[in-house]
């Protein structure tokens, strides 16, 4: 019975996600579903990315969080439209939440929407929100065992951002093992080493996004 209920939930979500995707495609908007653990640095990476992209393309952000608007307030300082979704304890965003959120945005003026999902390495990977691709942030401080412990989120993501790479010398994180595990899970995954402190990898990530926008 539980399996049937889950299938029904995912089936309805996929239907709405397909509607979202058609809307975004019709408007020529690239949508990125940004995922990762709490504390992995998603919001900091987003701030740095927006500061580089905002002068080149029109960007909006949908912020997912359990209760507060702290992250949305940070993103708002980047002078981009931002819509906050509070899940009141829910561990992920779904397609219906995103559909309601975009009603507050002028889609005719946008090239890119970044959805910062709720901090979690499990649930967000299971729910399509209508994005073009998923990107997952893995902090060096989380350990190199995470790809094999939580394979679905890395399998479903087109990009893994190995964040806080500047802290590598101070941890026992094995970069070679992490890269091997990631490519075993997803042979075509793009891996970018990033640091909001040094700026490493940020240009590479922004260039990748801009290339994807140009494909639309």
N, C-alpha and C. Protein backbone atom coordinates (compact mmCIF):
# COMPACT_ATOMS: atom_id res chain seq x y z
N UNK A 1 0.84 -1.21 0.00
CA UNK A 1 0.00 0.00 0.00
C UNK A 1 0.86 1.25 0.00
N UNK A 2 1.92 1.27 0.79
CA UNK A 2 2.79 2.44 0.85
C UNK A 2 3.46 2.69 -0.50
N UNK A 3 3.85 1.61 -1.17
CA UNK A 3 4.50 1.75 -2.48
C UNK A 3 3.55 2.38 -3.48
N UNK A 4 2.28 1.98 -3.44
CA UNK A 4 1.29 2.53 -4.36
C UNK A 4 1.08 4.03 -4.09
N UNK A 5 1.04 4.40 -2.84
CA UNK A 5 0.87 5.81 -2.50
C UNK A 5 2.05 6.62 -3.02
N UNK A 6 3.27 6.10 -2.84
CA UNK A 6 4.45 6.81 -3.32
C UNK A 6 4.42 6.95 -4.83
N UNK A 7 4.00 5.92 -5.52
CA UNK A 7 3.90 5.99 -6.98
C UNK A 7 2.89 7.05 -7.39
N UNK A 8 1.78 7.12 -6.68
CA UNK A 8 0.78 8.13 -7.00
C UNK A 8 1.33 9.53 -6.79
N UNK A 9 2.07 9.73 -5.69
CA UNK A 9 2.66 11.04 -5.41
C UNK A 9 3.64 11.42 -6.51
N UNK A 10 4.52 10.50 -6.87
CA UNK A 10 5.54 10.80 -7.88
C UNK A 10 4.91 10.98 -9.25
N UNK A 11 3.86 10.19 -9.52
CA UNK A 11 3.19 10.32 -10.81
C UNK A 11 2.55 11.68 -10.99
N UNK A 12 1.87 12.16 -9.97
CA UNK A 12 1.26 13.48 -10.04
C UNK A 12 2.33 14.57 -10.12
N UNK A 13 3.41 14.38 -9.37
CA UNK A 13 4.50 15.35 -9.42
C UNK A 13 5.11 15.43 -10.83
N UNK A 14 5.33 14.26 -11.43
CA UNK A 14 5.93 14.23 -12.77
C UNK A 14 5.03 14.91 -13.80
N UNK A 15 3.72 14.78 -13.63
CA UNK A 15 2.79 15.43 -14.54
C UNK A 15 2.93 16.95 -14.45
N UNK A 16 2.97 17.48 -13.24
CA UNK A 16 3.10 18.92 -13.07
C UNK A 16 4.49 19.39 -13.51
N UNK A 17 5.50 18.57 -13.24
CA UNK A 17 6.86 18.92 -13.67
C UNK A 17 6.94 19.04 -15.19
N UNK A 18 6.26 18.15 -15.89
CA UNK A 18 6.24 18.22 -17.36
C UNK A 18 5.57 19.51 -17.83
N UNK A 19 4.52 19.91 -17.14
CA UNK A 19 3.85 21.18 -17.48
C UNK A 19 4.78 22.36 -17.21
N UNK A 20 5.49 22.31 -16.09
CA UNK A 20 6.47 23.35 -15.78
C UNK A 20 7.53 23.42 -16.87
N UNK A 21 8.05 22.26 -17.25
CA UNK A 21 9.13 22.21 -18.23
C UNK A 21 8.66 22.79 -19.57
N UNK A 22 7.45 22.48 -19.96
CA UNK A 22 6.94 23.03 -21.22
C UNK A 22 6.85 24.56 -21.13
N UNK A 23 6.38 25.06 -20.00
CA UNK A 23 6.29 26.51 -19.81
C UNK A 23 7.66 27.15 -19.90
N UNK A 24 8.64 26.57 -19.22
CA UNK A 24 9.99 27.13 -19.25
C UNK A 24 10.60 27.06 -20.65
N UNK A 25 10.37 25.94 -21.33
CA UNK A 25 10.88 25.80 -22.70
C UNK A 25 10.25 26.82 -23.64
N UNK A 26 8.94 27.02 -23.49
CA UNK A 26 8.24 27.99 -24.34
C UNK A 26 8.78 29.41 -24.12
N UNK A 27 9.24 29.67 -22.90
CA UNK A 27 9.76 31.00 -22.55
C UNK A 27 11.28 31.09 -22.73
N UNK A 28 11.89 29.97 -23.20
CA UNK A 28 13.35 29.92 -23.38
C UNK A 28 14.11 30.24 -22.09
N UNK A 29 13.66 29.64 -21.00
CA UNK A 29 14.28 29.85 -19.70
C UNK A 29 15.00 28.56 -19.28
N UNK A 30 16.28 28.68 -18.93
CA UNK A 30 17.00 27.57 -18.35
C UNK A 30 16.68 27.50 -16.86
N UNK A 31 16.41 26.29 -16.37
CA UNK A 31 16.10 26.10 -14.95
C UNK A 31 17.07 25.08 -14.36
N UNK A 32 17.72 25.48 -13.27
CA UNK A 32 18.67 24.61 -12.57
C UNK A 32 18.13 24.30 -11.18
N UNK A 33 18.11 23.03 -10.83
CA UNK A 33 17.70 22.58 -9.51
C UNK A 33 18.96 22.35 -8.69
N UNK A 34 19.28 23.29 -7.78
CA UNK A 34 20.51 23.24 -7.01
C UNK A 34 20.26 22.55 -5.67
N UNK A 35 20.99 21.47 -5.43
CA UNK A 35 20.75 20.64 -4.26
C UNK A 35 22.03 20.46 -3.45
N UNK A 36 21.89 19.97 -2.22
CA UNK A 36 23.04 19.69 -1.38
C UNK A 36 22.64 19.70 0.08
N UNK A 37 23.54 19.25 0.93
CA UNK A 37 23.29 19.18 2.37
C UNK A 37 23.22 20.57 2.99
N UNK A 38 22.58 20.69 4.16
CA UNK A 38 22.70 21.93 4.92
C UNK A 38 24.17 22.20 5.23
N UNK A 39 24.61 23.43 4.98
CA UNK A 39 26.00 23.77 5.28
C UNK A 39 26.99 23.44 4.18
N UNK A 40 26.52 22.90 3.07
CA UNK A 40 27.44 22.56 1.98
C UNK A 40 27.93 23.81 1.24
N UNK A 41 27.21 24.92 1.42
CA UNK A 41 27.62 26.16 0.78
C UNK A 41 26.79 26.54 -0.43
N UNK A 42 25.59 25.97 -0.54
CA UNK A 42 24.73 26.26 -1.69
C UNK A 42 24.45 27.75 -1.84
N UNK A 43 24.04 28.38 -0.75
CA UNK A 43 23.64 29.79 -0.84
C UNK A 43 24.84 30.68 -1.12
N UNK A 44 25.97 30.40 -0.52
CA UNK A 44 27.18 31.19 -0.78
C UNK A 44 27.60 31.04 -2.24
N UNK A 45 27.56 29.81 -2.76
CA UNK A 45 27.87 29.60 -4.17
C UNK A 45 26.89 30.35 -5.07
N UNK A 46 25.63 30.33 -4.67
CA UNK A 46 24.61 31.02 -5.44
C UNK A 46 24.87 32.52 -5.46
N UNK A 47 25.23 33.08 -4.32
CA UNK A 47 25.55 34.51 -4.24
C UNK A 47 26.69 34.86 -5.19
N UNK A 48 27.75 34.09 -5.16
CA UNK A 48 28.92 34.34 -6.00
C UNK A 48 28.57 34.18 -7.49
N UNK A 49 27.76 33.16 -7.78
CA UNK A 49 27.36 32.92 -9.17
C UNK A 49 26.50 34.06 -9.69
N UNK A 50 25.57 34.50 -8.88
CA UNK A 50 24.69 35.60 -9.30
C UNK A 50 25.47 36.88 -9.54
N UNK A 51 26.47 37.13 -8.71
CA UNK A 51 27.26 38.36 -8.87
C UNK A 51 27.99 38.38 -10.21
N UNK A 52 28.29 37.19 -10.75
CA UNK A 52 28.98 37.10 -12.04
C UNK A 52 28.01 37.05 -13.22
N UNK A 53 26.82 36.49 -13.00
CA UNK A 53 25.87 36.30 -14.10
C UNK A 53 24.90 37.45 -14.29
N UNK A 54 24.60 38.17 -13.22
CA UNK A 54 23.51 39.14 -13.25
C UNK A 54 23.69 40.23 -14.31
N UNK A 55 24.92 40.57 -14.64
CA UNK A 55 25.15 41.60 -15.66
C UNK A 55 25.09 41.04 -17.07
N UNK A 56 25.05 39.73 -17.21
CA UNK A 56 25.08 39.10 -18.53
C UNK A 56 23.72 38.55 -18.96
N UNK A 57 22.96 38.04 -18.00
CA UNK A 57 21.65 37.48 -18.30
C UNK A 57 20.69 37.85 -17.17
N UNK A 58 19.41 37.67 -17.43
CA UNK A 58 18.39 37.96 -16.42
C UNK A 58 18.08 36.69 -15.63
N UNK A 59 18.30 36.78 -14.32
CA UNK A 59 18.20 35.62 -13.45
C UNK A 59 17.17 35.86 -12.35
N UNK A 60 16.47 34.80 -11.97
CA UNK A 60 15.61 34.82 -10.79
C UNK A 60 15.92 33.58 -9.97
N UNK A 61 15.59 33.64 -8.68
CA UNK A 61 15.89 32.53 -7.77
C UNK A 61 14.62 32.14 -7.02
N UNK A 62 14.42 30.84 -6.89
CA UNK A 62 13.39 30.29 -6.01
C UNK A 62 14.11 29.63 -4.85
N UNK A 63 13.84 30.11 -3.65
CA UNK A 63 14.53 29.64 -2.45
C UNK A 63 13.65 28.67 -1.67
N UNK A 64 14.16 27.47 -1.45
CA UNK A 64 13.44 26.50 -0.63
C UNK A 64 14.07 26.37 0.75
N UNK A 65 13.27 26.43 1.78
CA UNK A 65 13.77 26.28 3.14
C UNK A 65 12.63 25.78 4.02
N UNK A 66 12.99 25.26 5.19
CA UNK A 66 11.96 24.73 6.08
C UNK A 66 11.08 25.83 6.65
N UNK A 67 11.70 26.87 7.20
CA UNK A 67 10.91 27.87 7.91
C UNK A 67 11.31 29.32 7.64
N UNK A 68 12.60 29.63 7.59
CA UNK A 68 13.01 31.04 7.59
C UNK A 68 13.10 31.64 6.19
N UNK A 69 13.38 32.96 6.16
CA UNK A 69 13.62 33.65 4.89
C UNK A 69 15.06 34.16 4.84
N UNK A 70 15.93 33.61 5.68
CA UNK A 70 17.30 34.09 5.77
C UNK A 70 18.05 34.00 4.44
N UNK A 71 17.91 32.86 3.76
CA UNK A 71 18.62 32.71 2.48
C UNK A 71 18.05 33.64 1.42
N UNK A 72 16.74 33.79 1.38
CA UNK A 72 16.12 34.69 0.42
C UNK A 72 16.58 36.13 0.63
N UNK A 73 16.74 36.51 1.89
CA UNK A 73 17.22 37.86 2.18
C UNK A 73 18.64 38.06 1.67
N UNK A 74 19.46 37.03 1.77
CA UNK A 74 20.82 37.11 1.24
C UNK A 74 20.81 37.25 -0.28
N UNK A 75 19.97 36.46 -0.93
CA UNK A 75 19.91 36.49 -2.39
C UNK A 75 19.34 37.81 -2.89
N UNK A 76 18.40 38.36 -2.16
CA UNK A 76 17.77 39.62 -2.55
C UNK A 76 18.80 40.74 -2.64
N UNK A 77 19.86 40.66 -1.87
CA UNK A 77 20.92 41.67 -1.90
C UNK A 77 21.69 41.65 -3.22
N UNK A 78 21.52 40.58 -3.99
CA UNK A 78 22.16 40.50 -5.30
C UNK A 78 21.34 41.20 -6.38
N UNK A 79 20.23 41.82 -5.96
CA UNK A 79 19.37 42.57 -6.88
C UNK A 79 18.79 41.71 -7.99
N UNK A 80 18.37 40.51 -7.62
CA UNK A 80 17.64 39.63 -8.55
C UNK A 80 16.30 39.28 -7.93
N UNK A 81 15.28 38.99 -8.75
CA UNK A 81 13.99 38.57 -8.19
C UNK A 81 14.16 37.25 -7.43
N UNK A 82 13.54 37.16 -6.27
CA UNK A 82 13.63 35.94 -5.48
C UNK A 82 12.27 35.64 -4.86
N UNK A 83 11.89 34.37 -4.89
CA UNK A 83 10.64 33.91 -4.29
C UNK A 83 10.98 32.86 -3.24
N UNK A 84 10.50 33.05 -2.03
CA UNK A 84 10.75 32.11 -0.94
C UNK A 84 9.63 31.07 -0.87
N UNK A 85 10.02 29.80 -0.76
CA UNK A 85 9.08 28.72 -0.47
C UNK A 85 9.47 28.12 0.88
N UNK A 86 8.58 28.17 1.85
CA UNK A 86 8.79 27.50 3.13
C UNK A 86 7.97 26.22 3.16
N UNK A 87 8.64 25.11 3.38
CA UNK A 87 7.97 23.81 3.33
C UNK A 87 7.38 23.39 4.67
N UNK A 88 7.61 24.18 5.73
CA UNK A 88 7.08 23.89 7.07
C UNK A 88 7.46 22.48 7.53
N UNK A 89 8.70 22.12 7.26
CA UNK A 89 9.20 20.82 7.71
C UNK A 89 9.43 19.83 6.59
N UNK A 90 8.88 20.09 5.41
CA UNK A 90 9.08 19.19 4.27
C UNK A 90 10.53 19.19 3.83
N UNK A 91 11.02 18.01 3.40
CA UNK A 91 12.45 17.85 3.13
C UNK A 91 12.84 18.14 1.69
N UNK A 92 11.92 18.62 0.87
CA UNK A 92 12.23 18.87 -0.54
C UNK A 92 11.19 19.83 -1.13
N UNK A 93 11.52 20.38 -2.28
CA UNK A 93 10.54 21.11 -3.09
C UNK A 93 9.94 20.14 -4.10
N UNK A 94 8.70 20.40 -4.49
CA UNK A 94 8.10 19.60 -5.54
C UNK A 94 7.64 20.51 -6.68
N UNK A 95 7.14 19.89 -7.74
CA UNK A 95 6.79 20.64 -8.94
C UNK A 95 5.65 21.62 -8.69
N UNK A 96 4.69 21.25 -7.86
CA UNK A 96 3.56 22.13 -7.58
C UNK A 96 4.01 23.39 -6.85
N UNK A 97 4.94 23.23 -5.90
CA UNK A 97 5.48 24.39 -5.19
C UNK A 97 6.16 25.36 -6.15
N UNK A 98 6.94 24.79 -7.06
CA UNK A 98 7.65 25.64 -8.03
C UNK A 98 6.68 26.32 -8.97
N UNK A 99 5.64 25.60 -9.37
CA UNK A 99 4.64 26.21 -10.27
C UNK A 99 3.97 27.41 -9.60
N UNK A 100 3.65 27.29 -8.32
CA UNK A 100 3.05 28.43 -7.62
C UNK A 100 4.05 29.58 -7.48
N UNK A 101 5.31 29.23 -7.26
CA UNK A 101 6.33 30.27 -7.06
C UNK A 101 6.55 31.09 -8.33
N UNK A 102 6.54 30.45 -9.49
CA UNK A 102 6.84 31.18 -10.73
C UNK A 102 5.71 32.13 -11.11
N UNK A 103 4.56 31.97 -10.49
CA UNK A 103 3.47 32.91 -10.76
C UNK A 103 3.83 34.32 -10.29
N UNK A 104 4.81 34.42 -9.40
CA UNK A 104 5.24 35.73 -8.90
C UNK A 104 6.35 36.34 -9.75
N UNK A 105 6.79 35.62 -10.79
CA UNK A 105 7.90 36.08 -11.62
C UNK A 105 7.41 36.48 -13.01
N UNK A 106 8.08 37.45 -13.61
CA UNK A 106 7.81 37.83 -15.00
C UNK A 106 8.69 36.97 -15.90
N UNK A 107 8.14 35.88 -16.38
CA UNK A 107 8.92 34.91 -17.14
C UNK A 107 9.40 35.47 -18.48
N UNK A 108 8.70 36.45 -18.99
CA UNK A 108 9.10 37.04 -20.27
C UNK A 108 10.41 37.80 -20.17
N UNK A 109 10.84 38.11 -18.97
CA UNK A 109 12.07 38.89 -18.79
C UNK A 109 13.25 38.04 -18.32
N UNK A 110 13.08 36.73 -18.22
CA UNK A 110 14.11 35.88 -17.62
C UNK A 110 14.80 34.96 -18.63
N UNK A 111 16.08 34.72 -18.38
CA UNK A 111 16.85 33.72 -19.12
C UNK A 111 17.15 32.50 -18.27
N UNK A 112 17.15 32.69 -16.95
CA UNK A 112 17.59 31.63 -16.04
C UNK A 112 16.83 31.71 -14.72
N UNK A 113 16.39 30.54 -14.23
CA UNK A 113 15.86 30.41 -12.87
C UNK A 113 16.68 29.36 -12.15
N UNK A 114 17.20 29.72 -10.99
CA UNK A 114 17.91 28.75 -10.16
C UNK A 114 17.02 28.45 -8.96
N UNK A 115 16.71 27.18 -8.78
CA UNK A 115 15.91 26.72 -7.65
C UNK A 115 16.86 26.17 -6.60
N UNK A 116 17.01 26.87 -5.48
CA UNK A 116 17.82 26.33 -4.39
C UNK A 116 16.93 25.46 -3.52
N UNK A 117 17.14 24.16 -3.62
CA UNK A 117 16.27 23.21 -2.93
C UNK A 117 16.58 23.16 -1.43
N UNK A 118 15.72 22.51 -0.69
CA UNK A 118 15.90 22.32 0.74
C UNK A 118 17.17 21.50 0.98
N UNK A 119 17.93 21.83 2.01
CA UNK A 119 19.16 21.12 2.30
C UNK A 119 18.92 19.67 2.67
N UNK A 120 19.33 18.75 1.78
CA UNK A 120 19.04 17.33 1.98
C UNK A 120 19.71 16.56 0.84
N UNK A 121 20.32 15.43 1.13
CA UNK A 121 20.95 14.63 0.07
C UNK A 121 20.08 13.47 -0.40
N UNK A 122 18.84 13.40 0.10
CA UNK A 122 17.99 12.26 -0.25
C UNK A 122 16.76 12.70 -1.04
N UNK A 123 15.81 13.32 -0.37
CA UNK A 123 14.49 13.60 -0.95
C UNK A 123 14.51 14.46 -2.21
N UNK A 124 15.28 15.55 -2.27
CA UNK A 124 15.20 16.41 -3.47
C UNK A 124 15.53 15.68 -4.77
N UNK A 125 16.35 14.65 -4.69
CA UNK A 125 16.73 13.93 -5.90
C UNK A 125 15.56 13.18 -6.53
N UNK A 126 14.54 12.88 -5.74
CA UNK A 126 13.43 12.06 -6.22
C UNK A 126 12.34 12.88 -6.89
N UNK A 127 12.38 14.20 -6.74
CA UNK A 127 11.28 15.03 -7.23
C UNK A 127 11.74 15.98 -8.33
N UNK A 128 11.27 15.69 -9.54
CA UNK A 128 11.47 16.57 -10.69
C UNK A 128 10.62 17.82 -10.47
N UNK A 129 11.21 19.01 -10.67
CA UNK A 129 10.42 20.23 -10.55
C UNK A 129 10.24 20.93 -11.90
N UNK A 130 10.72 20.29 -12.97
CA UNK A 130 10.63 20.87 -14.30
C UNK A 130 11.92 21.49 -14.76
N UNK A 131 13.01 21.17 -14.07
CA UNK A 131 14.31 21.76 -14.37
C UNK A 131 14.92 21.18 -15.63
N UNK A 132 15.88 21.92 -16.21
CA UNK A 132 16.68 21.38 -17.31
C UNK A 132 17.71 20.39 -16.78
N UNK A 133 18.31 20.70 -15.65
CA UNK A 133 19.22 19.75 -15.03
C UNK A 133 19.36 20.05 -13.55
N UNK A 134 19.82 19.03 -12.83
CA UNK A 134 20.12 19.15 -11.41
C UNK A 134 21.62 19.37 -11.23
N UNK A 135 21.97 20.14 -10.20
CA UNK A 135 23.36 20.31 -9.79
C UNK A 135 23.43 20.07 -8.29
N UNK A 136 24.44 19.33 -7.86
CA UNK A 136 24.55 19.02 -6.44
C UNK A 136 25.87 19.57 -5.89
N UNK A 137 25.79 20.17 -4.72
CA UNK A 137 26.96 20.72 -4.04
C UNK A 137 27.40 19.73 -2.96
N UNK A 138 28.65 19.33 -3.03
CA UNK A 138 29.23 18.45 -2.02
C UNK A 138 30.42 19.18 -1.40
N UNK A 139 30.32 19.50 -0.13
CA UNK A 139 31.40 20.18 0.56
C UNK A 139 32.51 19.20 0.93
N UNK A 140 33.74 19.66 0.80
CA UNK A 140 34.90 18.85 1.19
C UNK A 140 34.77 18.40 2.65
N UNK A 141 34.17 19.24 3.47
CA UNK A 141 34.05 18.93 4.90
C UNK A 141 33.04 17.82 5.20
N UNK A 142 32.25 17.44 4.21
CA UNK A 142 31.25 16.38 4.42
C UNK A 142 31.84 14.98 4.32
N UNK A 143 33.01 14.86 3.69
CA UNK A 143 33.63 13.55 3.53
C UNK A 143 33.46 12.99 2.14
N UNK A 144 34.45 12.20 1.70
CA UNK A 144 34.42 11.66 0.33
C UNK A 144 33.56 10.41 0.20
N UNK A 145 32.95 9.97 1.30
CA UNK A 145 32.10 8.78 1.24
C UNK A 145 30.68 9.08 0.76
N UNK A 146 30.33 10.34 0.66
CA UNK A 146 28.93 10.70 0.38
C UNK A 146 28.41 10.23 -0.97
N UNK A 147 29.18 10.27 -2.06
CA UNK A 147 28.63 9.79 -3.33
C UNK A 147 28.12 8.35 -3.27
N UNK A 148 28.86 7.47 -2.62
CA UNK A 148 28.43 6.07 -2.54
C UNK A 148 27.33 5.87 -1.51
N UNK A 149 27.29 6.71 -0.48
CA UNK A 149 26.25 6.58 0.53
C UNK A 149 24.91 7.14 0.05
N UNK A 150 24.97 8.16 -0.82
CA UNK A 150 23.76 8.80 -1.34
C UNK A 150 23.83 8.87 -2.87
N UNK A 151 23.87 7.72 -3.53
CA UNK A 151 24.16 7.70 -4.97
C UNK A 151 23.11 8.36 -5.86
N UNK A 152 21.83 8.32 -5.47
CA UNK A 152 20.78 8.80 -6.36
C UNK A 152 20.96 10.27 -6.72
N UNK A 153 21.28 11.11 -5.74
CA UNK A 153 21.37 12.54 -6.00
C UNK A 153 22.51 12.84 -6.98
N UNK A 154 23.58 12.05 -6.93
CA UNK A 154 24.71 12.25 -7.84
C UNK A 154 24.42 11.63 -9.21
N UNK A 155 23.68 10.53 -9.21
CA UNK A 155 23.28 9.92 -10.48
C UNK A 155 22.34 10.83 -11.25
N UNK A 156 21.46 11.54 -10.55
CA UNK A 156 20.47 12.39 -11.18
C UNK A 156 21.01 13.77 -11.58
N UNK A 157 22.19 14.13 -11.11
CA UNK A 157 22.73 15.47 -11.33
C UNK A 157 23.67 15.50 -12.53
N UNK A 158 23.57 16.57 -13.30
CA UNK A 158 24.49 16.76 -14.43
C UNK A 158 25.83 17.31 -13.97
N UNK A 159 25.81 18.00 -12.83
CA UNK A 159 27.01 18.68 -12.31
C UNK A 159 27.16 18.40 -10.82
N UNK A 160 28.38 18.10 -10.40
CA UNK A 160 28.71 18.08 -8.98
C UNK A 160 29.72 19.19 -8.71
N UNK A 161 29.42 20.03 -7.75
CA UNK A 161 30.32 21.09 -7.33
C UNK A 161 31.01 20.64 -6.05
N UNK A 162 32.29 20.32 -6.14
CA UNK A 162 33.07 19.94 -4.95
C UNK A 162 33.50 21.24 -4.28
N UNK A 163 32.73 21.65 -3.29
CA UNK A 163 32.86 22.99 -2.73
C UNK A 163 33.79 23.02 -1.51
N UNK A 164 34.24 24.22 -1.20
CA UNK A 164 35.18 24.46 -0.10
C UNK A 164 36.50 23.74 -0.35
N UNK A 165 36.91 23.74 -1.63
CA UNK A 165 38.12 23.02 -2.03
C UNK A 165 39.35 23.60 -1.35
N UNK A 166 39.25 24.85 -0.90
CA UNK A 166 40.38 25.47 -0.19
C UNK A 166 40.67 24.79 1.15
N UNK A 167 39.70 24.05 1.66
CA UNK A 167 39.87 23.36 2.95
C UNK A 167 40.44 21.94 2.79
N UNK A 168 40.70 21.54 1.56
CA UNK A 168 41.17 20.18 1.30
C UNK A 168 42.40 19.79 2.14
N UNK A 169 43.40 20.68 2.27
CA UNK A 169 44.59 20.29 3.05
C UNK A 169 44.32 20.05 4.53
N UNK A 170 43.18 20.51 5.00
CA UNK A 170 42.87 20.42 6.43
C UNK A 170 41.89 19.28 6.76
N UNK A 171 41.60 18.46 5.76
CA UNK A 171 40.66 17.35 5.96
C UNK A 171 41.31 16.05 5.46
N UNK A 172 40.61 14.94 5.68
CA UNK A 172 41.07 13.67 5.13
C UNK A 172 40.28 13.30 3.87
N UNK A 173 39.64 14.30 3.25
CA UNK A 173 38.88 14.09 2.03
C UNK A 173 39.83 13.63 0.92
N UNK A 174 39.53 12.48 0.29
CA UNK A 174 40.35 11.94 -0.79
C UNK A 174 39.72 12.33 -2.13
N UNK A 175 40.30 13.33 -2.75
CA UNK A 175 39.73 13.89 -3.98
C UNK A 175 39.71 12.86 -5.10
N UNK A 176 40.75 12.07 -5.20
CA UNK A 176 40.83 11.06 -6.26
C UNK A 176 39.73 10.01 -6.09
N UNK A 177 39.52 9.56 -4.85
CA UNK A 177 38.46 8.58 -4.59
C UNK A 177 37.09 9.15 -4.88
N UNK A 178 36.86 10.41 -4.48
CA UNK A 178 35.57 11.04 -4.72
C UNK A 178 35.28 11.15 -6.21
N UNK A 179 36.26 11.57 -6.97
CA UNK A 179 36.07 11.68 -8.42
C UNK A 179 35.80 10.32 -9.04
N UNK A 180 36.50 9.29 -8.58
CA UNK A 180 36.29 7.94 -9.12
C UNK A 180 34.88 7.45 -8.80
N UNK A 181 34.43 7.69 -7.57
CA UNK A 181 33.09 7.25 -7.19
C UNK A 181 32.02 8.00 -7.98
N UNK A 182 32.21 9.29 -8.16
CA UNK A 182 31.23 10.09 -8.90
C UNK A 182 31.11 9.61 -10.34
N UNK A 183 32.22 9.35 -10.99
CA UNK A 183 32.16 8.92 -12.39
C UNK A 183 31.69 7.47 -12.52
N UNK A 184 31.84 6.69 -11.45
CA UNK A 184 31.27 5.34 -11.46
C UNK A 184 29.74 5.42 -11.41
N UNK A 185 29.24 6.30 -10.56
CA UNK A 185 27.80 6.49 -10.43
C UNK A 185 27.21 7.13 -11.67
N UNK A 186 27.92 8.11 -12.22
CA UNK A 186 27.43 8.88 -13.38
C UNK A 186 28.63 9.19 -14.28
N UNK A 187 28.90 8.34 -15.27
CA UNK A 187 30.10 8.49 -16.10
C UNK A 187 30.24 9.84 -16.80
N UNK A 188 29.13 10.49 -17.08
CA UNK A 188 29.18 11.76 -17.82
C UNK A 188 29.03 12.99 -16.93
N UNK A 189 29.09 12.81 -15.63
CA UNK A 189 28.88 13.94 -14.73
C UNK A 189 30.02 14.95 -14.86
N UNK A 190 29.67 16.21 -14.82
CA UNK A 190 30.68 17.28 -14.84
C UNK A 190 31.05 17.59 -13.41
N UNK A 191 32.34 17.59 -13.10
CA UNK A 191 32.82 17.84 -11.75
C UNK A 191 33.60 19.15 -11.76
N UNK A 192 33.18 20.09 -10.90
CA UNK A 192 33.86 21.38 -10.81
C UNK A 192 34.27 21.59 -9.35
N UNK A 193 35.55 21.88 -9.15
CA UNK A 193 36.05 22.17 -7.81
C UNK A 193 35.89 23.66 -7.55
N UNK A 194 35.17 24.00 -6.47
CA UNK A 194 34.84 25.40 -6.21
C UNK A 194 35.23 25.84 -4.81
N UNK A 195 35.41 27.14 -4.68
CA UNK A 195 35.64 27.76 -3.37
C UNK A 195 35.12 29.18 -3.41
N UNK A 196 34.24 29.50 -2.49
CA UNK A 196 33.75 30.87 -2.40
C UNK A 196 34.79 31.78 -1.75
N UNK A 197 35.76 31.20 -1.07
CA UNK A 197 36.82 31.98 -0.42
C UNK A 197 37.88 32.43 -1.42
N UNK A 198 38.32 31.50 -2.27
CA UNK A 198 39.37 31.83 -3.25
C UNK A 198 38.82 32.18 -4.62
N UNK A 199 37.55 31.80 -4.88
CA UNK A 199 36.96 32.03 -6.20
C UNK A 199 37.21 30.90 -7.18
N UNK A 200 37.89 29.86 -6.74
CA UNK A 200 38.19 28.73 -7.61
C UNK A 200 36.92 28.12 -8.19
N UNK A 201 36.94 27.86 -9.49
CA UNK A 201 35.86 27.15 -10.15
C UNK A 201 34.61 27.95 -10.45
N UNK A 202 34.49 29.16 -9.92
CA UNK A 202 33.27 29.93 -10.11
C UNK A 202 33.09 30.37 -11.56
N UNK A 203 34.18 30.78 -12.20
CA UNK A 203 34.10 31.16 -13.62
C UNK A 203 33.73 29.96 -14.47
N UNK A 204 34.28 28.81 -14.15
CA UNK A 204 33.97 27.60 -14.91
C UNK A 204 32.49 27.25 -14.79
N UNK A 205 31.95 27.35 -13.59
CA UNK A 205 30.53 27.05 -13.39
C UNK A 205 29.66 28.06 -14.13
N UNK A 206 30.02 29.34 -14.05
CA UNK A 206 29.23 30.37 -14.75
C UNK A 206 29.30 30.20 -16.26
N UNK A 207 30.48 29.87 -16.77
CA UNK A 207 30.63 29.65 -18.21
C UNK A 207 29.77 28.46 -18.66
N UNK A 208 29.73 27.42 -17.84
CA UNK A 208 28.89 26.26 -18.16
C UNK A 208 27.42 26.66 -18.23
N UNK A 209 26.98 27.45 -17.26
CA UNK A 209 25.59 27.91 -17.25
C UNK A 209 25.29 28.74 -18.48
N UNK A 210 26.17 29.67 -18.82
CA UNK A 210 25.95 30.54 -19.98
C UNK A 210 25.89 29.74 -21.27
N UNK A 211 26.70 28.70 -21.39
CA UNK A 211 26.63 27.85 -22.57
C UNK A 211 25.29 27.13 -22.67
N UNK A 212 24.77 26.69 -21.52
CA UNK A 212 23.48 26.01 -21.51
C UNK A 212 22.36 26.98 -21.86
N UNK A 213 22.46 28.22 -21.39
CA UNK A 213 21.45 29.24 -21.73
C UNK A 213 21.45 29.49 -23.23
N UNK A 214 22.63 29.55 -23.84
CA UNK A 214 22.73 29.83 -25.27
C UNK A 214 22.15 28.72 -26.12
N UNK A 215 22.06 27.51 -25.58
CA UNK A 215 21.51 26.38 -26.33
C UNK A 215 19.99 26.47 -26.51
N UNK A 216 19.34 27.29 -25.70
CA UNK A 216 17.88 27.36 -25.73
C UNK A 216 17.39 28.08 -26.98
